[in-house]
């Protein structure tokens, strides 16, 4: 592949990233990947939409780190947060001697007044298990080291989560990280004994859980509020005035009821949000238009295809030349292949978080991550195909007097082509599967219904993402197989493809 084409592909990748940051975009609302945050995000979006301001809701992004970084970089404009998370986790080193408002201002941010409810952390067990062991307080857990503890993945590493809790109460249990919604199912099924809960979770009542008394007062107050960019007040004052109307409108029983409508009754978050806002805040609020399931699948397919194809083309453009270099310069080649392998060891979500400050949220960081993950199979197979050419064929090519570039183009690359195509196939299948993680940073694709289905325990939604993703992987591999039959001479194909 020539230098001009490689440059065009890579320029397109960078251009897609730059487009995400283009000026004139609508107000971007974000929510974290749990139901309450999505409902609050839908409320904000409905109010802003009702004020006549263009708005986009990036639903169920990853954890706190992802959303707050996106807010700081300007990739999103506003999202629901909690005072305890701000003071005990995100800004804990800065709020020790300064008011929260001043610290936020130093980051170019502001916050509304509290929305009216406190969604603190707590620990819970099933009522039956707690009663059998006589456990009512968190400190009682110390006498039962055999208990199995599971916490949401974010709580496992936060200073206001398991590490601090373990130190405060002197607990010596082994704890495992798990998705918050899956942890409830583990408790209900007897697969675990203790988990963290949010005090506005409807599952506490539905699963008959006993909330343990925080007798050493470890958990802080977590009043809900909206954090937004300071420049939004100048750019879209009507939007700020609209969502500020939520201040003080939601108490704990109300929020529990809203969560219950979605998680237990299966009502969509957008419908729950618009019903509340229209009845209690503003009759001018406008909900998002509903989308037919087939239209939704088609839209997700387009998003997923764009992520995979852009990243795959960019990976081919760089990986094939790197594989040639690795074959031509063995000493340097070890470092090239090693570096490509090292990229594969970086967890996908960690890589996406690292890319957010550079590329924002949405498709650009996902395309970049898939591009990096796609390098190794193509680099390694290109290298293997070239170094595996039989020596007599190399000698014959030299005897014909072909210069090195012509020898590479006319002899060596055609002989290595089956290996190269096999590497591209592997890279494509990896990209289709890994792209589902992109939903955590707002890239859409088939990961969106999968994440929503897991959160709401909706198997149909999970299948709505998983089945098309699997079909796309199979179809893409078949397509590349057809291309292989056209571009690879019959005599060079593997025996099972020679016919």
Protein backbone atom coordinates (compact mmCIF):
# COMPACT_ATOMS: atom_id res chain seq x y z
CA UNK A 1 0.00 0.00 0.00
CA UNK A 2 1.57 3.31 -1.10
CA UNK A 3 2.51 6.18 1.17
CA UNK A 4 -0.22 8.49 -0.19
CA UNK A 5 -3.02 6.04 0.63
CA UNK A 6 -1.61 5.33 4.09
CA UNK A 7 -1.40 9.05 4.76
CA UNK A 8 -4.97 9.59 3.61
CA UNK A 9 -6.30 6.85 5.86
CA UNK A 10 -4.44 8.11 8.91
CA UNK A 11 -5.46 11.70 8.14
CA UNK A 12 -9.07 10.53 8.01
CA UNK A 13 -8.67 8.95 11.45
CA UNK A 14 -7.32 12.20 12.90
CA UNK A 15 -10.01 14.18 11.11
CA UNK A 16 -12.75 12.06 12.64
CA UNK A 17 -11.30 12.78 16.08
CA UNK A 18 -11.11 16.50 15.40
CA UNK A 19 -14.70 16.53 14.21
CA UNK A 20 -15.86 15.45 17.65
CA UNK A 21 -14.53 18.71 19.07
CA UNK A 22 -16.00 20.93 16.38
CA UNK A 23 -17.63 24.13 17.49
CA UNK A 24 -21.37 24.67 17.25
CA UNK A 25 -22.32 21.32 18.71
CA UNK A 26 -25.44 20.94 20.85
CA UNK A 27 -25.42 20.85 24.63
CA UNK A 28 -24.05 17.41 25.49
CA UNK A 29 -25.56 15.75 28.56
CA UNK A 30 -23.82 12.69 29.98
CA UNK A 31 -24.86 10.03 32.44
CA UNK A 32 -22.99 7.22 34.13
CA UNK A 33 -23.74 3.55 33.57
CA UNK A 34 -26.42 3.08 36.23
CA UNK A 35 -30.16 3.65 36.05
CA UNK A 36 -30.50 6.65 38.35
CA UNK A 37 -27.86 8.61 36.48
CA UNK A 38 -29.54 7.82 33.14
CA UNK A 39 -32.93 8.97 34.46
CA UNK A 40 -31.44 12.25 35.72
CA UNK A 41 -29.63 12.72 32.41
CA UNK A 42 -32.93 12.24 30.56
CA UNK A 43 -34.55 14.87 32.81
CA UNK A 44 -31.81 17.37 31.98
CA UNK A 45 -32.05 16.61 28.27
CA UNK A 46 -35.86 16.99 28.28
CA UNK A 47 -35.65 20.38 30.05
CA UNK A 48 -32.94 21.68 27.73
CA UNK A 49 -34.85 20.44 24.68
CA UNK A 50 -37.98 22.15 25.99
CA UNK A 51 -36.05 25.41 26.26
CA UNK A 52 -35.44 25.28 22.52
CA UNK A 53 -31.76 24.38 22.78
CA UNK A 54 -30.30 21.49 20.71
CA UNK A 55 -29.24 18.71 23.06
CA UNK A 56 -27.61 15.30 22.89
CA UNK A 57 -27.63 12.73 25.70
CA UNK A 58 -24.61 10.42 25.92
CA UNK A 59 -26.20 7.69 28.00
CA UNK A 60 -24.46 5.30 30.39
CA UNK A 61 -20.86 6.28 29.83
CA UNK A 62 -18.28 4.45 31.94
CA UNK A 63 -17.48 5.24 35.56
CA UNK A 64 -16.75 8.52 37.30
CA UNK A 65 -13.26 8.85 35.84
CA UNK A 66 -14.54 8.65 32.26
CA UNK A 67 -17.37 11.17 32.69
CA UNK A 68 -15.45 13.72 34.74
CA UNK A 69 -12.53 13.68 32.30
CA UNK A 70 -14.96 14.17 29.44
CA UNK A 71 -16.47 17.15 31.27
CA UNK A 72 -13.05 18.73 31.91
CA UNK A 73 -12.00 18.36 28.28
CA UNK A 74 -15.27 19.80 26.95
CA UNK A 75 -16.48 16.57 25.35
CA UNK A 76 -19.62 16.85 27.52
CA UNK A 77 -21.25 19.88 29.12
CA UNK A 78 -23.24 18.62 32.12
CA UNK A 79 -23.85 15.39 34.04
CA UNK A 80 -25.39 14.26 37.38
CA UNK A 81 -22.91 13.77 40.23
CA UNK A 82 -22.87 13.45 44.02
CA UNK A 83 -21.20 15.62 46.64
CA UNK A 84 -19.53 12.65 48.32
CA UNK A 85 -18.00 11.50 45.03
CA UNK A 86 -16.66 14.99 44.36
CA UNK A 87 -15.19 15.57 47.81
CA UNK A 88 -14.06 12.04 48.69
CA UNK A 89 -12.86 10.78 45.33
CA UNK A 90 -12.50 13.15 42.37
CA UNK A 91 -11.31 16.31 44.15
CA UNK A 92 -10.35 14.90 47.55
CA UNK A 93 -6.85 16.41 47.52
CA UNK A 94 -8.13 19.87 46.63
CA UNK A 95 -11.16 20.31 48.90
CA UNK A 96 -9.25 19.83 52.16
CA UNK A 97 -8.76 23.57 52.64
CA UNK A 98 -11.03 25.13 50.02
CA UNK A 99 -14.79 25.22 49.38
CA UNK A 100 -16.06 22.85 46.72
CA UNK A 101 -17.35 25.71 44.55
CA UNK A 102 -13.87 27.27 44.42
CA UNK A 103 -12.24 23.98 43.49
CA UNK A 104 -14.76 23.39 40.71
CA UNK A 105 -14.20 26.94 39.43
CA UNK A 106 -10.46 26.22 39.20
CA UNK A 107 -11.36 23.35 36.83
CA UNK A 108 -13.64 25.58 34.77
CA UNK A 109 -16.75 23.96 36.26
CA UNK A 110 -19.82 24.87 38.28
CA UNK A 111 -22.49 22.92 40.13
CA UNK A 112 -26.18 23.44 40.74
CA UNK A 113 -27.69 23.38 44.20
CA UNK A 114 -28.58 19.85 45.42
CA UNK A 115 -31.50 18.21 43.65
CA UNK A 116 -33.04 17.20 46.98
CA UNK A 117 -32.05 13.59 47.69
CA UNK A 118 -29.07 11.84 49.27
CA UNK A 119 -27.93 8.64 47.55
CA UNK A 120 -25.27 7.43 49.97
CA UNK A 121 -23.40 4.15 49.89
CA UNK A 122 -24.29 1.38 52.34
CA UNK A 123 -23.68 -2.34 52.79
CA UNK A 124 -26.52 -4.82 52.63
CA UNK A 125 -27.32 -8.52 53.07
CA UNK A 126 -30.46 -10.53 52.55
CA UNK A 127 -32.71 -10.19 55.58
CA UNK A 128 -32.70 -13.97 56.11
CA UNK A 129 -28.90 -14.29 56.06
CA UNK A 130 -28.37 -11.25 58.28
CA UNK A 131 -30.95 -12.45 60.81
CA UNK A 132 -29.44 -15.95 60.94
CA UNK A 133 -26.01 -14.51 61.79
CA UNK A 134 -27.28 -11.67 64.00
CA UNK A 135 -25.68 -8.97 61.84
CA UNK A 136 -27.11 -5.46 62.03
CA UNK A 137 -24.04 -3.21 61.79
CA UNK A 138 -21.05 -3.08 59.49
CA UNK A 139 -18.76 -3.71 62.47
CA UNK A 140 -20.52 -7.07 63.02
CA UNK A 141 -18.96 -8.32 59.77
CA UNK A 142 -15.53 -8.55 61.43
CA UNK A 143 -16.67 -11.60 63.40
CA UNK A 144 -17.60 -13.44 60.18
CA UNK A 145 -14.55 -13.61 57.89
CA UNK A 146 -16.19 -16.44 55.94
CA UNK A 147 -18.71 -14.07 54.35
CA UNK A 148 -18.34 -13.47 50.61
CA UNK A 149 -18.22 -9.77 49.73
CA UNK A 150 -18.85 -8.38 46.24
CA UNK A 151 -18.68 -4.68 45.37
CA UNK A 152 -19.24 -2.69 42.22
CA UNK A 153 -15.98 -2.38 40.30
CA UNK A 154 -15.68 1.35 40.94
CA UNK A 155 -16.12 0.94 44.71
CA UNK A 156 -13.34 -1.68 44.79
CA UNK A 157 -10.68 0.98 44.13
CA UNK A 158 -12.12 4.27 45.39
CA UNK A 159 -10.82 5.90 48.55
CA UNK A 160 -14.41 6.24 49.78
CA UNK A 161 -15.07 2.61 48.90
CA UNK A 162 -13.67 -0.78 49.91
CA UNK A 163 -10.06 0.25 50.74
CA UNK A 164 -11.16 2.90 53.21
CA UNK A 165 -14.04 0.81 54.55
CA UNK A 166 -11.74 -2.14 55.20
CA UNK A 167 -9.30 0.06 57.12
CA UNK A 168 -12.00 1.83 59.17
CA UNK A 169 -13.70 -1.39 60.28
CA UNK A 170 -10.68 -3.71 60.40
CA UNK A 171 -12.20 -6.17 57.95
CA UNK A 172 -10.08 -9.03 56.62
CA UNK A 173 -12.48 -10.42 54.04
CA UNK A 174 -11.61 -11.11 50.43
CA UNK A 175 -13.77 -8.91 48.21
CA UNK A 176 -14.44 -9.26 44.49
CA UNK A 177 -15.41 -6.62 41.95
CA UNK A 178 -18.61 -7.04 39.96
CA UNK A 179 -21.05 -4.98 37.94
CA UNK A 180 -23.45 -3.27 40.39
CA UNK A 181 -26.61 -4.80 38.91
CA UNK A 182 -25.05 -8.26 38.68
CA UNK A 183 -23.99 -8.02 42.33
CA UNK A 184 -27.65 -7.77 43.36
CA UNK A 185 -28.41 -10.95 41.44
CA UNK A 186 -25.45 -12.68 43.10
CA UNK A 187 -26.81 -11.72 46.54
CA UNK A 188 -30.35 -12.83 45.66
CA UNK A 189 -29.16 -16.18 44.30
CA UNK A 190 -26.89 -16.92 47.28
CA UNK A 191 -23.72 -16.53 45.25
CA UNK A 192 -22.50 -13.78 47.61
CA UNK A 193 -23.34 -12.55 51.10
CA UNK A 194 -22.65 -8.80 51.27
CA UNK A 195 -22.65 -6.06 48.65
CA UNK A 196 -22.57 -2.30 48.40
CA UNK A 197 -25.87 -0.55 47.65
CA UNK A 198 -27.00 2.95 46.83
CA UNK A 199 -29.63 4.01 49.33
CA UNK A 200 -32.08 4.93 46.55
CA UNK A 201 -31.83 1.50 44.88
CA UNK A 202 -35.27 -0.18 44.56
CA UNK A 203 -33.58 -3.60 44.77
CA UNK A 204 -33.17 -3.09 48.53
CA UNK A 205 -36.91 -3.59 48.96
CA UNK A 206 -37.40 -5.96 46.01
CA UNK A 207 -34.74 -8.44 47.20
CA UNK A 208 -35.64 -8.04 50.89
CA UNK A 209 -32.22 -6.75 51.91
CA UNK A 210 -31.12 -5.48 55.31
CA UNK A 211 -29.08 -2.27 55.08
CA UNK A 212 -26.33 -2.49 57.71
CA UNK A 213 -25.83 0.42 60.08
CA UNK A 214 -22.68 2.41 59.31
CA UNK A 215 -21.82 2.56 63.04
CA UNK A 216 -18.38 4.08 62.52
CA UNK A 217 -19.72 6.71 60.11
CA UNK A 218 -17.49 5.90 57.17
CA UNK A 219 -19.78 6.81 54.27
CA UNK A 220 -20.15 10.49 53.52
CA UNK A 221 -23.24 12.40 52.37
CA UNK A 222 -23.92 11.97 48.68
CA UNK A 223 -26.35 14.72 47.71
CA UNK A 224 -27.20 14.66 44.02
CA UNK A 225 -26.47 17.75 41.93
CA UNK A 226 -25.54 18.65 38.37
CA UNK A 227 -21.96 19.54 37.46
CA UNK A 228 -21.52 21.60 34.31
CA UNK A 229 -18.93 23.59 32.41
CA UNK A 230 -18.69 27.23 33.45
CA UNK A 231 -18.62 28.38 29.82
CA UNK A 232 -22.04 26.80 29.25
CA UNK A 233 -23.67 29.70 31.09
CA UNK A 234 -22.43 32.05 28.37
CA UNK A 235 -22.84 29.65 25.44
CA UNK A 236 -26.32 28.36 26.29
CA UNK A 237 -27.82 30.36 29.20
CA UNK A 238 -31.33 29.04 28.45
CA UNK A 239 -30.07 25.47 28.93
CA UNK A 240 -28.55 26.26 32.33
CA UNK A 241 -31.71 28.06 33.45
CA UNK A 242 -33.74 25.03 32.31
CA UNK A 243 -31.88 22.33 34.20
CA UNK A 244 -31.44 24.49 37.30
CA UNK A 245 -35.21 24.05 37.77
CA UNK A 246 -34.47 20.54 39.05
CA UNK A 247 -32.88 21.96 42.21
CA UNK A 248 -34.70 20.70 45.32
CA UNK A 249 -37.40 18.87 43.33
CA UNK A 250 -36.42 15.25 44.12
CA UNK A 251 -36.53 13.69 47.59
CA UNK A 252 -35.42 10.15 48.44
CA UNK A 253 -38.84 8.43 48.22
CA UNK A 254 -39.45 10.08 44.84
CA UNK A 255 -36.09 8.98 43.44
CA UNK A 256 -36.58 5.44 44.72
CA UNK A 257 -39.96 5.37 42.98
CA UNK A 258 -38.49 6.59 39.70
CA UNK A 259 -35.73 3.98 39.84
CA UNK A 260 -38.30 1.32 40.63
CA UNK A 261 -40.44 2.17 37.59
CA UNK A 262 -37.47 1.51 35.33
CA UNK A 263 -35.70 -1.36 37.05
CA UNK A 264 -38.69 -3.30 38.35
CA UNK A 265 -41.55 -2.31 36.03
CA UNK A 266 -39.45 -2.06 32.87
CA UNK A 267 -40.51 1.47 31.90
CA UNK A 268 -37.93 3.26 29.74
CA UNK A 269 -35.79 5.87 31.53
CA UNK A 270 -36.83 8.53 29.03
CA UNK A 271 -40.52 7.93 29.75
CA UNK A 272 -39.97 7.93 33.52
CA UNK A 273 -38.00 11.18 33.27
CA UNK A 274 -40.45 13.05 31.05
CA UNK A 275 -43.44 11.99 33.19
CA UNK A 276 -41.81 13.39 36.32
CA UNK A 277 -40.55 16.60 34.72
CA UNK A 278 -43.86 17.36 33.00
CA UNK A 279 -45.80 16.83 36.24
CA UNK A 280 -43.44 18.52 38.70
CA UNK A 281 -41.00 20.85 36.95
CA UNK A 282 -42.02 22.13 33.51
CA UNK A 283 -44.82 21.39 31.07
CA UNK A 284 -42.54 22.55 28.25
CA UNK A 285 -40.15 19.60 28.62
CA UNK A 286 -39.77 17.52 25.47
CA UNK A 287 -38.78 13.86 25.50
CA UNK A 288 -36.49 12.25 22.94
CA UNK A 289 -38.27 10.77 19.90
CA UNK A 290 -38.88 7.04 20.16
CA UNK A 291 -37.09 4.73 17.77
CA UNK A 292 -38.42 1.47 16.32
CA UNK A 293 -36.29 -1.55 17.35
CA UNK A 294 -35.36 -2.31 13.73
CA UNK A 295 -34.33 1.32 13.19
CA UNK A 296 -32.30 1.13 16.38
CA UNK A 297 -30.53 -2.05 15.22
CA UNK A 298 -29.80 -0.45 11.84
CA UNK A 299 -28.37 2.66 13.51
CA UNK A 300 -26.21 0.55 15.83
CA UNK A 301 -25.01 -1.51 12.86
CA UNK A 302 -23.92 1.67 11.09
CA UNK A 303 -22.07 2.91 14.16
CA UNK A 304 -20.41 -0.45 14.77
CA UNK A 305 -19.41 -0.85 11.12
CA UNK A 306 -17.82 2.59 11.04
CA UNK A 307 -15.77 1.85 14.16
CA UNK A 308 -14.54 -1.48 12.77
CA UNK A 309 -13.85 -0.49 9.18
CA UNK A 310 -12.06 2.80 9.90
CA UNK A 311 -9.83 1.21 12.51
CA UNK A 312 -9.16 -1.87 10.34
CA UNK A 313 -8.16 0.18 7.27
CA UNK A 314 -5.86 2.32 9.38
CA UNK A 315 -4.31 -0.78 10.97
CA UNK A 316 -3.67 -2.37 7.57
CA UNK A 317 -2.10 0.85 6.28
CA UNK A 318 0.46 0.88 9.10
CA UNK A 319 0.84 -2.79 10.09
CA UNK A 320 1.80 -4.17 6.68
CA UNK A 321 4.76 -1.75 6.28
CA UNK A 322 5.78 -2.45 9.89
CA UNK A 323 5.72 -6.18 9.15
CA UNK A 324 7.94 -5.62 6.10
CA UNK A 325 10.38 -3.59 8.20
CA UNK A 326 10.39 -6.31 10.87
CA UNK A 327 11.23 -8.94 8.23
CA UNK A 328 13.92 -6.82 6.55
CA UNK A 329 15.61 -5.66 9.78
CA UNK A 330 15.48 -8.58 12.25
CA UNK A 331 16.97 -6.68 15.19
CA UNK A 332 14.54 -3.80 14.82
CA UNK A 333 11.80 -6.32 14.01
CA UNK A 334 11.91 -7.81 17.49
CA UNK A 335 11.11 -4.40 18.97
CA UNK A 336 8.35 -3.71 16.40
CA UNK A 337 6.57 -6.99 17.08
CA UNK A 338 7.16 -6.62 20.83
CA UNK A 339 5.68 -3.11 20.87
CA UNK A 340 2.60 -4.28 18.96
CA UNK A 341 2.22 -7.14 21.44
CA UNK A 342 2.57 -4.77 24.39
CA UNK A 343 -0.38 -2.71 23.14
CA UNK A 344 -2.53 -5.85 23.33
CA UNK A 345 -1.89 -6.13 27.07
CA UNK A 346 -3.47 -2.75 27.91
CA UNK A 347 -7.07 -3.25 29.11
CA UNK A 348 -9.48 -1.72 26.60
CA UNK A 349 -11.32 0.52 29.08
CA UNK A 350 -8.02 1.79 30.53
CA UNK A 351 -6.81 2.65 27.03
CA UNK A 352 -10.05 4.49 26.27
CA UNK A 353 -9.74 6.54 29.46
CA UNK A 354 -6.17 7.47 28.53
CA UNK A 355 -7.33 8.60 25.08
CA UNK A 356 -10.23 10.78 26.30
CA UNK A 357 -8.07 13.87 27.07
CA UNK A 358 -6.64 13.68 23.54
CA UNK A 359 -9.69 12.68 21.50
CA UNK A 360 -12.72 13.37 23.68
CA UNK A 361 -15.54 10.82 23.89
CA UNK A 362 -17.51 9.05 21.20
CA UNK A 363 -16.04 7.26 18.20
CA UNK A 364 -12.53 8.85 17.96
CA UNK A 365 -10.96 7.19 21.04
CA UNK A 366 -12.60 3.86 20.15
CA UNK A 367 -11.32 3.97 16.57
CA UNK A 368 -7.84 4.80 17.87
CA UNK A 369 -7.96 1.95 20.41
CA UNK A 370 -9.19 -0.59 17.85
CA UNK A 371 -6.50 0.60 15.45
CA UNK A 372 -3.81 -0.06 18.08
CA UNK A 373 -5.27 -3.46 18.99
CA UNK A 374 -5.46 -4.42 15.31
CA UNK A 375 -1.75 -3.95 14.64
CA UNK A 376 -0.34 -7.11 16.22
CA UNK A 377 -2.09 -9.83 14.12
CA UNK A 378 -1.26 -8.06 10.85
CA UNK A 379 2.31 -7.14 11.80
CA UNK A 380 3.07 -10.64 13.05
CA UNK A 381 1.51 -12.41 10.07
CA UNK A 382 3.18 -10.12 7.54
CA UNK A 383 6.52 -10.75 9.23
CA UNK A 384 5.90 -14.52 9.39
CA UNK A 385 4.83 -14.68 5.77
CA UNK A 386 7.93 -12.87 4.52
CA UNK A 387 10.52 -14.70 6.64
CA UNK A 388 8.87 -18.02 5.82
CA UNK A 389 9.41 -17.77 2.06
CA UNK A 390 11.49 -20.82 0.96
CA UNK A 391 15.11 -19.92 0.30
CA UNK A 392 15.17 -21.41 -3.25
CA UNK A 393 12.43 -18.97 -4.28
CA UNK A 394 14.41 -16.06 -2.84
CA UNK A 395 17.50 -17.19 -4.74
CA UNK A 396 15.50 -17.52 -7.96
CA UNK A 397 14.12 -14.00 -7.58
CA UNK A 398 17.62 -12.59 -7.11
CA UNK A 399 18.90 -14.59 -10.08
CA UNK A 400 16.34 -12.87 -12.29
CA UNK A 401 18.06 -9.60 -11.46
CA UNK A 402 15.03 -7.99 -9.82
CA UNK A 403 15.84 -4.98 -7.61
CA UNK A 404 14.74 -5.23 -3.92
CA UNK A 405 11.51 -3.20 -4.33
CA UNK A 406 10.42 -5.12 -7.42
CA UNK A 407 11.28 -8.40 -5.72
CA UNK A 408 9.13 -7.40 -2.75
CA UNK A 409 6.20 -6.31 -4.93
CA UNK A 410 6.26 -9.09 -7.51
CA UNK A 411 7.46 -12.11 -5.55
CA UNK A 412 7.64 -11.78 -1.79
CA UNK A 413 4.34 -10.03 -0.98
CA UNK A 414 2.30 -12.34 -3.26
CA UNK A 415 3.88 -15.36 -1.55
CA UNK A 416 3.17 -13.85 1.91
CA UNK A 417 -0.36 -12.76 1.00
CA UNK A 418 -2.18 -15.77 2.56
CA UNK A 419 -0.51 -14.97 5.89
CA UNK A 420 -1.30 -11.27 5.60
CA UNK A 421 -4.98 -11.89 4.82
CA UNK A 422 -5.19 -14.31 7.76
CA UNK A 423 -3.83 -11.58 10.03
CA UNK A 424 -6.39 -9.10 8.69
CA UNK A 425 -9.17 -11.61 9.38
CA UNK A 426 -8.03 -12.01 12.97
CA UNK A 427 -7.76 -8.25 13.42
CA UNK A 428 -11.27 -7.75 12.01
CA UNK A 429 -12.87 -10.27 14.38
CA UNK A 430 -11.04 -8.72 17.36
CA UNK A 431 -12.28 -5.28 16.31
CA UNK A 432 -15.93 -6.38 16.08
CA UNK A 433 -15.84 -7.84 19.59
CA UNK A 434 -13.80 -5.10 21.24
CA UNK A 435 -15.90 -2.32 19.67
CA UNK A 436 -18.77 -3.23 22.02
CA UNK A 437 -16.74 -1.68 24.86
CA UNK A 438 -16.96 1.62 22.98
CA UNK A 439 -20.48 2.15 24.34
CA UNK A 440 -18.84 3.01 27.69
CA UNK A 441 -17.43 6.19 26.15
CA UNK A 442 -20.44 7.11 24.06
CA UNK A 443 -19.43 5.53 20.74
CA UNK A 444 -22.70 3.63 20.35
CA UNK A 445 -22.61 0.42 18.38
CA UNK A 446 -23.92 -2.95 19.52
CA UNK A 447 -22.41 -2.46 22.97
CA UNK A 448 -25.18 0.03 23.82
CA UNK A 449 -28.08 -2.45 23.99
CA UNK A 450 -25.82 -5.03 25.63
CA UNK A 451 -24.92 -2.66 28.47
CA UNK A 452 -28.53 -1.53 28.87
CA UNK A 453 -29.76 -5.11 28.88
CA UNK A 454 -27.28 -6.11 31.59
CA UNK A 455 -28.24 -3.10 33.70
CA UNK A 456 -31.99 -3.72 33.38
CA UNK A 457 -31.78 -7.54 33.35
CA UNK A 458 -33.42 -7.48 29.91
CA UNK A 459 -32.27 -10.55 27.96
CA UNK A 460 -33.98 -9.29 24.82
CA UNK A 461 -31.87 -6.12 24.80
CA UNK A 462 -28.70 -8.15 25.35
CA UNK A 463 -29.56 -10.31 22.34
CA UNK A 464 -30.35 -7.16 20.33
CA UNK A 465 -26.66 -6.29 20.61
CA UNK A 466 -24.95 -9.66 20.93
CA UNK A 467 -26.58 -11.46 17.98
CA UNK A 468 -25.96 -8.73 15.36
CA UNK A 469 -22.37 -8.34 16.62
CA UNK A 470 -21.77 -12.08 16.20
CA UNK A 471 -23.36 -12.03 12.74
CA UNK A 472 -21.19 -9.06 11.78
CA UNK A 473 -18.04 -10.93 12.85
CA UNK A 474 -19.03 -14.01 10.86
CA UNK A 475 -20.05 -11.94 7.84
CA UNK A 476 -16.87 -9.89 7.85
CA UNK A 477 -14.73 -13.00 8.04
CA UNK A 478 -16.68 -14.53 5.13
CA UNK A 479 -16.25 -11.32 3.12
CA UNK A 480 -12.51 -11.30 3.73
CA UNK A 481 -12.42 -14.99 2.76
CA UNK A 482 -14.06 -14.12 -0.55
CA UNK A 483 -11.56 -11.33 -1.10
CA UNK A 484 -8.75 -13.77 -0.31
CA UNK A 485 -9.93 -16.15 -3.03
CA UNK A 486 -9.84 -13.33 -5.57
CA UNK A 487 -6.45 -11.85 -4.68
CA UNK A 488 -4.48 -14.94 -3.63
CA UNK A 489 -3.46 -17.23 -6.50
CA UNK A 490 -4.98 -20.72 -6.22
CA UNK A 491 -1.60 -22.39 -5.87
CA UNK A 492 -0.75 -20.26 -2.81
CA UNK A 493 -3.96 -20.86 -0.88
CA UNK A 494 -4.18 -23.28 2.05
CA UNK A 495 -5.26 -26.80 0.93
CA UNK A 496 -8.83 -26.34 2.25
CA UNK A 497 -9.26 -23.21 0.09
CA UNK A 498 -7.46 -24.34 -3.06
CA UNK A 499 -10.65 -25.41 -4.86
